[in-house]
Amino acid sequence: MKIFTIRHGETDWNVQGRLQGHTDIELNEAGLLQAKNIGLRLANEKIDIIYSSDLMRAVDTAKAIAAHHNAEIIPSPALREKFFGIYEGRLIDEVFEDIDWDFPDGGEHIDAAFARTHGYLDEIAASKHENIAIVGHFGTVIACICYFLGLPAYERMKFKVGNTAIHCFERDAKGKWAMTLENCTLHL
């Protein structure tokens, strides 16, 4: 089994350094081009199905990939970014000054966000499909990395995830996962 994880294309809030979380922000002009480029980059890969966050920045990125494959897109809130509560829309630098990062008021604890994503990854990894793309967010891809490599949530800051970056995980015959591509942005 081979699973590609892809972060959505750029949004204006990415450029401004704002927390997006569950806020449904669309791709900006650069993000639309990034989505088109990731679609072209993955055009020669075999992809049977695409699982995506249900937020439009991820769905629009997934559509650009699906344009090159006969693959259904399955949107799900399980693949959303962590919910930041009252801090969504605020500048990341401001939030770091105000709160403990893992406990935003009214938001989702990192462990809860990982549990949500990991539960859905259990279903995806058990599916009949052999070649899968997952389109999500920074936090979604980090949760995937930790899931496939068997790492705890506190290891999450070791990894980079640029807009439309690809990570690839492959499962061998014994069921062990390996990351075979990390933070690839050559298509940009």
Foldseek 3Di string as FASTA:
>chain_A
DKEKEWEFFAFVCVVVQFAAFPPQTAHDPRRLVLLLLLLVVCLPPAAAEEEEAPRHRQVSSVVSNCVSDVYYYHHDNLQEGWFQPPRGGPHPVVVVVPDDVQDHVVTHGLVRNLVSLLVVVVVVVPDPDQHYYYYYHLSSVLSVVCNLQVHDPVCSVVADADHGFMWMWHADPVRHIDTPGGRDDVSD
